[in-house]
Amino acid sequence: MEYFAPLTIIASAEAASTDGGILGALGIDWTLLGLQIVAFLLLVWLLGKFVYPVFMRIIDEREQKIEASVKAAEVAEKNAEAAQDGIEALLKEARKEAKEIVTTAKDEATAMLEASDAKAKSRADKIVKDAHDQLEKDIVAARKALHNDTIELVAQATEKVLAGVADAKLDRKIVESAVKEAK
């Protein structure tokens, strides 16, 4: 408003020199009022020409930024919801897969345990069978050894009893026939 100071001074000097009647009695000077209206219109025109467009441009830019931010927030919210849905779906799938893995692991462990039990039973049965076979062989060998020892003992006893009456061949035949009869 300092630009209009000279106009105001001129208008106030002019007002003091004239007498305006009723309006003058009220303190209204037409010249001063006219100059003030011109100064006001000039001020409005300058503001409209230079200041308001800058303010309007700044306000429009801010409004556009706000609208862009709102749209970006809406998009981000939609993306977050979609991501949350995706995460929930992935978690559900992961839980399902984990459950399947646990079930498969339990089944495999049970199968391995059963296979191990079957293998152990098979091995135990084989060991028992081998032991029975070995025992049978040992019994047969022991019987043969006992048979041979018995024949020799009977032969020695017969030899001592008959002392020279029969020879070794005859003794052996007699002992063998006695053993066969005893069986």
C-alpha atoms as a PDB file:
ATOM      1  CA  MET A   1       0.000   0.000   0.000  1.00  0.00           C
ATOM      2  CA  GLU A   2       2.996   2.244   0.094  1.00  0.00           C
ATOM      3  CA  TYR A   3       2.636   2.606  -3.666  1.00  0.00           C
ATOM      4  CA  PHE A   4      -0.628   4.425  -3.158  1.00  0.00           C
ATOM      5  CA  ALA A   5       0.650   6.752  -0.434  1.00  0.00           C
ATOM      6  CA  PRO A   6       1.139   9.727  -2.791  1.00  0.00           C
ATOM      7  CA  LEU A   7      -2.403   9.346  -4.086  1.00  0.00           C
ATOM      8  CA  THR A   8      -3.739   9.251  -0.558  1.00  0.00           C
ATOM      9  CA  ILE A   9      -1.832  12.414   0.372  1.00  0.00           C
ATOM     10  CA  ILE A  10      -3.136  14.220  -2.680  1.00  0.00           C
ATOM     11  CA  ALA A  11      -6.665  13.083  -1.983  1.00  0.00           C
ATOM     12  CA  SER A  12      -6.530  14.146   1.674  1.00  0.00           C
ATOM     13  CA  ALA A  13      -5.180  17.634   0.771  1.00  0.00           C
ATOM     14  CA  GLU A  14      -7.897  18.068  -1.782  1.00  0.00           C
ATOM     15  CA  ALA A  15     -10.574  17.017   0.683  1.00  0.00           C
ATOM     16  CA  ALA A  16      -9.524  19.608   3.217  1.00  0.00           C
ATOM     17  CA  SER A  17      -9.938  22.451   0.720  1.00  0.00           C
ATOM     18  CA  THR A  18     -13.466  21.711  -0.464  1.00  0.00           C
ATOM     19  CA  ASP A  19     -16.699  21.715   1.293  1.00  0.00           C
ATOM     20  CA  GLY A  20     -18.942  18.912   0.098  1.00  0.00           C
ATOM     21  CA  GLY A  21     -22.314  19.578   1.692  1.00  0.00           C
ATOM     22  CA  ILE A  22     -24.119  16.723   3.399  1.00  0.00           C
ATOM     23  CA  LEU A  23     -21.512  14.228   2.343  1.00  0.00           C
ATOM     24  CA  GLY A  24     -18.864  16.635   3.493  1.00  0.00           C
ATOM     25  CA  ALA A  25     -20.621  16.849   6.859  1.00  0.00           C
ATOM     26  CA  LEU A  26     -20.380  13.086   7.085  1.00  0.00           C
ATOM     27  CA  GLY A  27     -16.705  13.294   6.223  1.00  0.00           C
ATOM     28  CA  ILE A  28     -17.029  11.899   2.716  1.00  0.00           C
ATOM     29  CA  ASP A  29     -15.086  13.608  -0.002  1.00  0.00           C
ATOM     30  CA  TRP A  30     -16.014  12.640  -3.574  1.00  0.00           C
ATOM     31  CA  THR A  31     -12.575  13.139  -4.917  1.00  0.00           C
ATOM     32  CA  LEU A  32     -10.980  11.126  -2.191  1.00  0.00           C
ATOM     33  CA  LEU A  33     -13.649   8.460  -2.573  1.00  0.00           C
ATOM     34  CA  GLY A  34     -13.042   8.344  -6.332  1.00  0.00           C
ATOM     35  CA  LEU A  35      -9.298   8.069  -5.869  1.00  0.00           C
ATOM     36  CA  GLN A  36      -9.743   5.346  -3.276  1.00  0.00           C
ATOM     37  CA  ILE A  37     -12.070   3.425  -5.621  1.00  0.00           C
ATOM     38  CA  VAL A  38      -9.516   3.773  -8.437  1.00  0.00           C
ATOM     39  CA  ALA A  39      -6.704   2.687  -6.103  1.00  0.00           C
ATOM     40  CA  PHE A  40      -8.816  -0.261  -4.921  1.00  0.00           C
ATOM     41  CA  LEU A  41      -9.648  -1.316  -8.482  1.00  0.00           C
ATOM     42  CA  LEU A  42      -6.007  -0.952  -9.448  1.00  0.00           C
ATOM     43  CA  LEU A  43      -5.039  -3.094  -6.453  1.00  0.00           C
ATOM     44  CA  VAL A  44      -7.647  -5.728  -7.378  1.00  0.00           C
ATOM     45  CA  TRP A  45      -6.474  -5.725 -10.977  1.00  0.00           C
ATOM     46  CA  LEU A  46      -2.770  -6.097  -9.947  1.00  0.00           C
ATOM     47  CA  LEU A  47      -3.631  -8.868  -7.509  1.00  0.00           C
ATOM     48  CA  GLY A  48      -5.795 -10.582 -10.152  1.00  0.00           C
ATOM     49  CA  LYS A  49      -3.091 -10.243 -12.785  1.00  0.00           C
ATOM     50  CA  PHE A  50       0.015 -11.224 -10.791  1.00  0.00           C
ATOM     51  CA  VAL A  51      -0.784 -12.696  -7.368  1.00  0.00           C
ATOM     52  CA  TYR A  52      -4.003 -14.721  -7.719  1.00  0.00           C
ATOM     53  CA  PRO A  53      -2.802 -16.797 -10.721  1.00  0.00           C
ATOM     54  CA  VAL A  54       0.289 -17.827  -8.756  1.00  0.00           C
ATOM     55  CA  PHE A  55      -1.840 -18.749  -5.727  1.00  0.00           C
ATOM     56  CA  MET A  56      -4.317 -20.627  -7.929  1.00  0.00           C
ATOM     57  CA  ARG A  57      -1.522 -22.505  -9.691  1.00  0.00           C
ATOM     58  CA  ILE A  58       0.001 -23.491  -6.325  1.00  0.00           C
ATOM     59  CA  ILE A  59      -3.423 -24.553  -5.016  1.00  0.00           C
ATOM     60  CA  ASP A  60      -4.110 -26.555  -8.209  1.00  0.00           C
ATOM     61  CA  GLU A  61      -0.718 -28.269  -7.963  1.00  0.00           C
ATOM     62  CA  ARG A  62      -1.347 -29.141  -4.319  1.00  0.00           C
ATOM     63  CA  GLU A  63      -4.807 -30.404  -5.170  1.00  0.00           C
ATOM     64  CA  GLN A  64      -3.350 -32.595  -7.930  1.00  0.00           C
ATOM     65  CA  LYS A  65      -0.682 -33.906  -5.568  1.00  0.00           C
ATOM     66  CA  ILE A  66      -3.321 -34.658  -2.939  1.00  0.00           C
ATOM     67  CA  GLU A  67      -5.507 -36.441  -5.504  1.00  0.00           C
ATOM     68  CA  ALA A  68      -2.492 -38.417  -6.746  1.00  0.00           C
ATOM     69  CA  SER A  69      -1.613 -39.294  -3.161  1.00  0.00           C
ATOM     70  CA  VAL A  70      -5.176 -40.434  -2.475  1.00  0.00           C
ATOM     71  CA  LYS A  71      -5.179 -42.559  -5.623  1.00  0.00           C
ATOM     72  CA  ALA A  72      -1.770 -43.998  -4.733  1.00  0.00           C
ATOM     73  CA  ALA A  73      -3.024 -44.752  -1.230  1.00  0.00           C
ATOM     74  CA  GLU A  74      -6.086 -46.507  -2.667  1.00  0.00           C
ATOM     75  CA  VAL A  75      -3.892 -48.523  -5.021  1.00  0.00           C
ATOM     76  CA  ALA A  76      -1.507 -49.350  -2.181  1.00  0.00           C
ATOM     77  CA  GLU A  77      -4.431 -50.405   0.004  1.00  0.00           C
ATOM     78  CA  LYS A  78      -5.776 -52.649  -2.773  1.00  0.00           C
ATOM     79  CA  ASN A  79      -2.294 -54.086  -3.308  1.00  0.00           C
ATOM     80  CA  ALA A  80      -1.928 -54.659   0.428  1.00  0.00           C
ATOM     81  CA  GLU A  81      -5.280 -56.454   0.532  1.00  0.00           C
ATOM     82  CA  ALA A  82      -4.284 -58.568  -2.465  1.00  0.00           C
ATOM     83  CA  ALA A  83      -0.907 -59.285  -0.891  1.00  0.00           C
ATOM     84  CA  GLN A  84      -2.612 -60.219   2.390  1.00  0.00           C
ATOM     85  CA  ASP A  85      -4.923 -62.564   0.506  1.00  0.00           C
ATOM     86  CA  GLY A  86      -1.900 -64.005  -1.293  1.00  0.00           C
ATOM     87  CA  ILE A  87      -0.031 -64.439   1.977  1.00  0.00           C
ATOM     88  CA  GLU A  88      -3.019 -66.175   3.539  1.00  0.00           C
ATOM     89  CA  ALA A  89      -3.294 -68.469   0.510  1.00  0.00           C
ATOM     90  CA  LEU A  90       0.443 -69.231   0.666  1.00  0.00           C
ATOM     91  CA  LEU A  91       0.234 -69.917   4.401  1.00  0.00           C
ATOM     92  CA  LYS A  92      -2.744 -72.199   3.855  1.00  0.00           C
ATOM     93  CA  GLU A  93      -0.868 -74.035   1.099  1.00  0.00           C
ATOM     94  CA  ALA A  94       2.274 -74.252   3.252  1.00  0.00           C
ATOM     95  CA  ARG A  95       0.264 -75.677   6.152  1.00  0.00           C
ATOM     96  CA  LYS A  96      -1.331 -78.207   3.814  1.00  0.00           C
ATOM     97  CA  GLU A  97       2.071 -79.214   2.412  1.00  0.00           C
ATOM     98  CA  ALA A  98       3.542 -79.439   5.918  1.00  0.00           C
ATOM     99  CA  LYS A  99       0.655 -81.662   6.996  1.00  0.00           C
ATOM    100  CA  GLU A 100       1.194 -83.850   3.936  1.00  0.00           C
ATOM    101  CA  ILE A 101       4.934 -84.032   4.637  1.00  0.00           C
ATOM    102  CA  VAL A 102       4.314 -84.998   8.264  1.00  0.00           C
ATOM    103  CA  THR A 103       1.778 -87.630   7.190  1.00  0.00           C
ATOM    104  CA  THR A 104       4.158 -88.970   4.555  1.00  0.00           C
ATOM    105  CA  ALA A 105       7.017 -89.014   7.052  1.00  0.00           C
ATOM    106  CA  LYS A 106       4.872 -90.902   9.568  1.00  0.00           C
ATOM    107  CA  ASP A 107       3.806 -93.390   6.891  1.00  0.00           C
ATOM    108  CA  GLU A 108       7.402 -93.845   5.748  1.00  0.00           C
ATOM    109  CA  ALA A 109       8.582 -94.259   9.327  1.00  0.00           C
ATOM    110  CA  THR A 110       5.865 -96.847   9.956  1.00  0.00           C
ATOM    111  CA  ALA A 111       6.746 -98.662   6.732  1.00  0.00           C
ATOM    112  CA  MET A 112      10.444 -98.571   7.612  1.00  0.00           C
ATOM    113  CA  LEU A 113       9.689 -99.851  11.102  1.00  0.00           C
ATOM    114  CA  GLU A 114       7.544-102.664   9.718  1.00  0.00           C
ATOM    115  CA  ALA A 115      10.212-103.515   7.159  1.00  0.00           C
ATOM    116  CA  SER A 116      12.827-103.455   9.889  1.00  0.00           C
ATOM    117  CA  ASP A 117      10.663-105.713  12.076  1.00  0.00           C
ATOM    118  CA  ALA A 118      10.080-108.089   9.171  1.00  0.00           C
ATOM    119  CA  LYS A 119      13.794-108.127   8.378  1.00  0.00           C
ATOM    120  CA  ALA A 120      14.636-108.736  12.036  1.00  0.00           C
ATOM    121  CA  LYS A 121      12.086-111.585  12.230  1.00  0.00           C
ATOM    122  CA  SER A 122      13.446-113.039   9.019  1.00  0.00           C
ATOM    123  CA  ARG A 123      16.987-112.793  10.343  1.00  0.00           C
ATOM    124  CA  ALA A 124      15.947-114.302  13.690  1.00  0.00           C
ATOM    125  CA  ASP A 125      14.118-117.154  11.909  1.00  0.00           C
ATOM    126  CA  LYS A 126      17.202-117.778   9.776  1.00  0.00           C
ATOM    127  CA  ILE A 127      19.436-117.776  12.868  1.00  0.00           C
ATOM    128  CA  VAL A 128      17.079-120.210  14.615  1.00  0.00           C
ATOM    129  CA  LYS A 129      16.918-122.425  11.500  1.00  0.00           C
ATOM    130  CA  ASP A 130      20.704-122.343  11.160  1.00  0.00           C
ATOM    131  CA  ALA A 131      21.030-123.191  14.829  1.00  0.00           C
ATOM    132  CA  HIS A 132      18.588-126.138  14.425  1.00  0.00           C
ATOM    133  CA  ASP A 133      20.480-127.338  11.359  1.00  0.00           C
ATOM    134  CA  GLN A 134      23.783-127.046  13.194  1.00  0.00           C
ATOM    135  CA  LEU A 135      22.278-128.834  16.202  1.00  0.00           C
ATOM    136  CA  GLU A 136      21.046-131.656  13.948  1.00  0.00           C
ATOM    137  CA  LYS A 137      24.512-131.934  12.398  1.00  0.00           C
ATOM    138  CA  ASP A 138      26.085-131.937  15.847  1.00  0.00           C
ATOM    139  CA  ILE A 139      23.637-134.633  17.015  1.00  0.00           C
ATOM    140  CA  VAL A 140      24.388-136.785  13.950  1.00  0.00           C
ATOM    141  CA  ALA A 141      28.123-136.281  14.477  1.00  0.00           C
ATOM    142  CA  ALA A 142      27.767-137.090  18.176  1.00  0.00           C
ATOM    143  CA  ARG A 143      25.785-140.257  17.371  1.00  0.00           C
ATOM    144  CA  LYS A 144      28.415-141.362  14.864  1.00  0.00           C
ATOM    145  CA  ALA A 145      31.164-140.668  17.382  1.00  0.00           C
ATOM    146  CA  LEU A 146      29.205-142.508  20.079  1.00  0.00           C
ATOM    147  CA  HIS A 147      28.529-145.371  17.696  1.00  0.00           C
ATOM    148  CA  ASN A 148      32.199-145.651  16.796  1.00  0.00           C
ATOM    149  CA  ASP A 149      33.259-145.370  20.432  1.00  0.00           C
ATOM    150  CA  THR A 150      30.704-148.011  21.433  1.00  0.00           C
ATOM    151  CA  ILE A 151      31.914-150.385  18.747  1.00  0.00           C
ATOM    152  CA  GLU A 152      35.488-149.919  19.885  1.00  0.00           C
ATOM    153  CA  LEU A 153      34.602-150.401  23.537  1.00  0.00           C
ATOM    154  CA  VAL A 154      32.582-153.513  22.803  1.00  0.00           C
ATOM    155  CA  ALA A 155      35.406-154.779  20.621  1.00  0.00           C
ATOM    156  CA  GLN A 156      37.926-154.210  23.370  1.00  0.00           C
ATOM    157  CA  ALA A 157      35.653-155.828  25.891  1.00  0.00           C
ATOM    158  CA  THR A 158      35.026-158.795  23.580  1.00  0.00           C
ATOM    159  CA  GLU A 159      38.689-159.122  22.873  1.00  0.00           C
ATOM    160  CA  LYS A 160      39.474-159.293  26.532  1.00  0.00           C
ATOM    161  CA  VAL A 161      36.693-161.781  27.146  1.00  0.00           C
ATOM    162  CA  LEU A 162      37.528-164.006  24.243  1.00  0.00           C
ATOM    163  CA  ALA A 163      41.230-163.344  24.503  1.00  0.00           C
ATOM    164  CA  GLY A 164      42.565-164.869  21.509  1.00  0.00           C
ATOM    165  CA  VAL A 165      39.643-167.096  20.450  1.00  0.00           C
ATOM    166  CA  ALA A 166      38.588-164.801  17.641  1.00  0.00           C
ATOM    167  CA  ASP A 167      40.457-162.379  15.507  1.00  0.00           C
ATOM    168  CA  ALA A 168      39.788-158.649  15.030  1.00  0.00           C
ATOM    169  CA  LYS A 169      37.616-159.108  11.932  1.00  0.00           C
ATOM    170  CA  LEU A 170      35.298-161.467  13.646  1.00  0.00           C
ATOM    171  CA  ASP A 171      35.137-159.227  16.672  1.00  0.00           C
ATOM    172  CA  ARG A 172      34.105-156.308  14.593  1.00  0.00           C
ATOM    173  CA  LYS A 173      31.307-158.262  12.878  1.00  0.00           C
ATOM    174  CA  ILE A 174      29.955-159.528  16.178  1.00  0.00           C
ATOM    175  CA  VAL A 175      29.987-156.061  17.727  1.00  0.00           C
ATOM    176  CA  GLU A 176      28.270-154.485  14.728  1.00  0.00           C
ATOM    177  CA  SER A 177      25.528-157.089  14.741  1.00  0.00           C
ATOM    178  CA  ALA A 178      25.027-156.568  18.504  1.00  0.00           C
ATOM    179  CA  VAL A 179      24.751-152.821  18.078  1.00  0.00           C
ATOM    180  CA  LYS A 180      22.231-153.240  15.239  1.00  0.00           C
ATOM    181  CA  GLU A 181      20.110-155.458  17.396  1.00  0.00           C
ATOM    182  CA  ALA A 182      20.265-152.948  20.242  1.00  0.00           C
ATOM    183  CA  LYS A 183      18.947-150.211  18.047  1.00  0.00           C
END
